[in-house]
């Protein structure tokens, strides 16, 4: 059974544990490597709180494997972050709601020109 969204309002999305801190630091370090790919449209924010290669042709062939590795590492950290935040709040069942809230936050914080998926899964440029 999934907790209602109103219960999530009581969740501390800024909770900090050693695991959460490690994940956030890893993501922050990686962001510098990903920013140019967001800007070029090669990588976009997905509706489920992850990222995806949106346009592989925007990445030179020699760099595509590296971009795919960055996307994979980022998604691994994002999945772990959502789980850790829900668990740190004492409600592991809130993971889906934490993910949804962060998905919205990522889009809100995205720079103009970055791509994101709308609710139907279509790509839009901010």
Protein backbone atom coordinates (compact mmCIF):
# COMPACT_ATOMS: atom_id res chain seq x y z
CA UNK A 1 0.00 0.00 0.00
CA UNK A 2 1.33 3.41 -0.97
CA UNK A 3 1.13 6.28 1.51
CA UNK A 4 -1.07 9.15 0.36
CA UNK A 5 0.65 12.23 -0.98
CA UNK A 6 -0.54 14.22 2.05
CA UNK A 7 1.63 12.00 4.23
CA UNK A 8 4.63 12.86 2.09
CA UNK A 9 4.14 16.52 2.93
CA UNK A 10 5.44 15.61 6.37
CA UNK A 11 8.53 13.97 4.88
CA UNK A 12 11.84 15.76 5.30
CA UNK A 13 13.18 15.81 1.75
CA UNK A 14 16.30 17.58 3.00
CA UNK A 15 17.11 14.85 5.52
CA UNK A 16 20.83 14.14 5.65
CA UNK A 17 22.57 10.91 6.48
CA UNK A 18 26.11 9.83 5.57
CA UNK A 19 24.70 7.79 2.66
CA UNK A 20 22.62 10.71 1.37
CA UNK A 21 25.57 13.08 1.69
CA UNK A 22 27.80 10.70 -0.28
CA UNK A 23 25.19 10.38 -3.04
CA UNK A 24 24.65 14.14 -3.26
CA UNK A 25 28.40 14.78 -3.44
CA UNK A 26 28.78 12.20 -6.20
CA UNK A 27 25.92 13.75 -8.15
CA UNK A 28 27.29 17.27 -7.67
CA UNK A 29 30.70 16.22 -8.97
CA UNK A 30 29.12 14.51 -11.99
CA UNK A 31 26.87 17.49 -12.75
CA UNK A 32 29.81 19.43 -14.14
CA UNK A 33 30.38 16.66 -16.66
CA UNK A 34 26.70 16.45 -17.58
CA UNK A 35 25.83 20.18 -17.81
CA UNK A 36 27.10 20.57 -21.36
CA UNK A 37 25.10 17.55 -22.46
CA UNK A 38 21.93 18.97 -20.92
CA UNK A 39 22.65 22.22 -22.73
CA UNK A 40 23.21 20.55 -26.11
CA UNK A 41 20.02 18.52 -25.77
CA UNK A 42 21.90 15.23 -25.80
CA UNK A 43 20.69 14.41 -22.29
CA UNK A 44 17.30 15.20 -20.81
CA UNK A 45 15.39 14.85 -17.56
CA UNK A 46 12.88 12.01 -17.54
CA UNK A 47 9.44 12.13 -16.00
CA UNK A 48 10.45 9.46 -13.46
CA UNK A 49 13.24 11.48 -11.85
CA UNK A 50 16.09 10.03 -13.88
CA UNK A 51 18.00 11.23 -16.95
CA UNK A 52 18.27 9.76 -20.43
CA UNK A 53 20.26 10.18 -23.60
CA UNK A 54 17.70 12.09 -25.63
CA UNK A 55 19.71 12.76 -28.78
CA UNK A 56 22.81 10.61 -29.23
CA UNK A 57 23.61 12.49 -32.45
CA UNK A 58 24.36 15.58 -30.35
CA UNK A 59 27.35 13.70 -28.91
CA UNK A 60 30.43 12.99 -31.02
CA UNK A 61 30.74 9.26 -31.64
CA UNK A 62 34.00 9.03 -29.68
CA UNK A 63 32.26 10.46 -26.57
CA UNK A 64 29.01 8.47 -26.63
CA UNK A 65 30.21 5.62 -24.44
CA UNK A 66 31.39 8.14 -21.85
CA UNK A 67 28.03 9.93 -21.89
CA UNK A 68 26.19 6.62 -21.54
CA UNK A 69 28.39 5.81 -18.52
CA UNK A 70 27.67 9.21 -16.95
CA UNK A 71 23.91 8.73 -17.45
CA UNK A 72 24.06 5.24 -15.95
CA UNK A 73 26.05 6.41 -12.91
CA UNK A 74 23.72 9.39 -12.40
CA UNK A 75 20.62 7.20 -12.56
CA UNK A 76 22.13 4.74 -10.12
CA UNK A 77 22.78 7.56 -7.64
CA UNK A 78 19.32 9.08 -8.16
CA UNK A 79 17.61 5.74 -7.53
CA UNK A 80 19.67 5.24 -4.39
CA UNK A 81 18.97 8.82 -3.24
CA UNK A 82 15.20 8.41 -3.47
CA UNK A 83 15.37 5.15 -1.56
CA UNK A 84 17.68 6.59 1.12
CA UNK A 85 15.49 9.67 1.67
CA UNK A 86 12.35 7.56 2.08
CA UNK A 87 14.16 5.17 4.42
CA UNK A 88 15.70 8.02 6.45
CA UNK A 89 12.16 9.34 7.00
CA UNK A 90 11.17 5.95 8.39
CA UNK A 91 8.85 5.30 5.43
CA UNK A 92 10.54 3.25 2.71
CA UNK A 93 7.11 2.94 1.09
CA UNK A 94 7.32 6.67 0.21
CA UNK A 95 10.06 6.07 -2.36
CA UNK A 96 7.73 6.55 -5.36
CA UNK A 97 6.41 9.82 -3.96
CA UNK A 98 9.92 11.06 -3.16
CA UNK A 99 10.93 10.20 -6.75
CA UNK A 100 7.92 12.06 -8.16
CA UNK A 101 8.63 15.15 -6.06
CA UNK A 102 12.27 15.19 -7.11
CA UNK A 103 11.31 14.70 -10.77
CA UNK A 104 9.31 17.92 -10.55
CA UNK A 105 12.12 19.72 -8.71
CA UNK A 106 14.73 18.73 -11.30
CA UNK A 107 12.58 20.27 -14.06
CA UNK A 108 11.91 23.42 -12.01
CA UNK A 109 15.64 23.89 -11.41
CA UNK A 110 16.64 23.09 -15.01
CA UNK A 111 18.18 25.88 -17.02
CA UNK A 112 16.41 27.34 -20.02
CA UNK A 113 17.07 25.23 -23.11
CA UNK A 114 17.32 21.93 -21.25
CA UNK A 115 15.00 19.10 -22.27
CA UNK A 116 12.57 17.21 -20.04
CA UNK A 117 9.78 14.70 -20.43
CA UNK A 118 6.23 15.81 -19.82
CA UNK A 119 3.62 13.63 -18.12
CA UNK A 120 2.91 11.74 -21.36
CA UNK A 121 6.61 10.98 -21.94
CA UNK A 122 7.07 13.49 -24.77
CA UNK A 123 10.16 15.68 -24.79
CA UNK A 124 9.84 19.44 -24.25
CA UNK A 125 12.45 22.15 -24.07
CA UNK A 126 12.38 24.45 -21.08
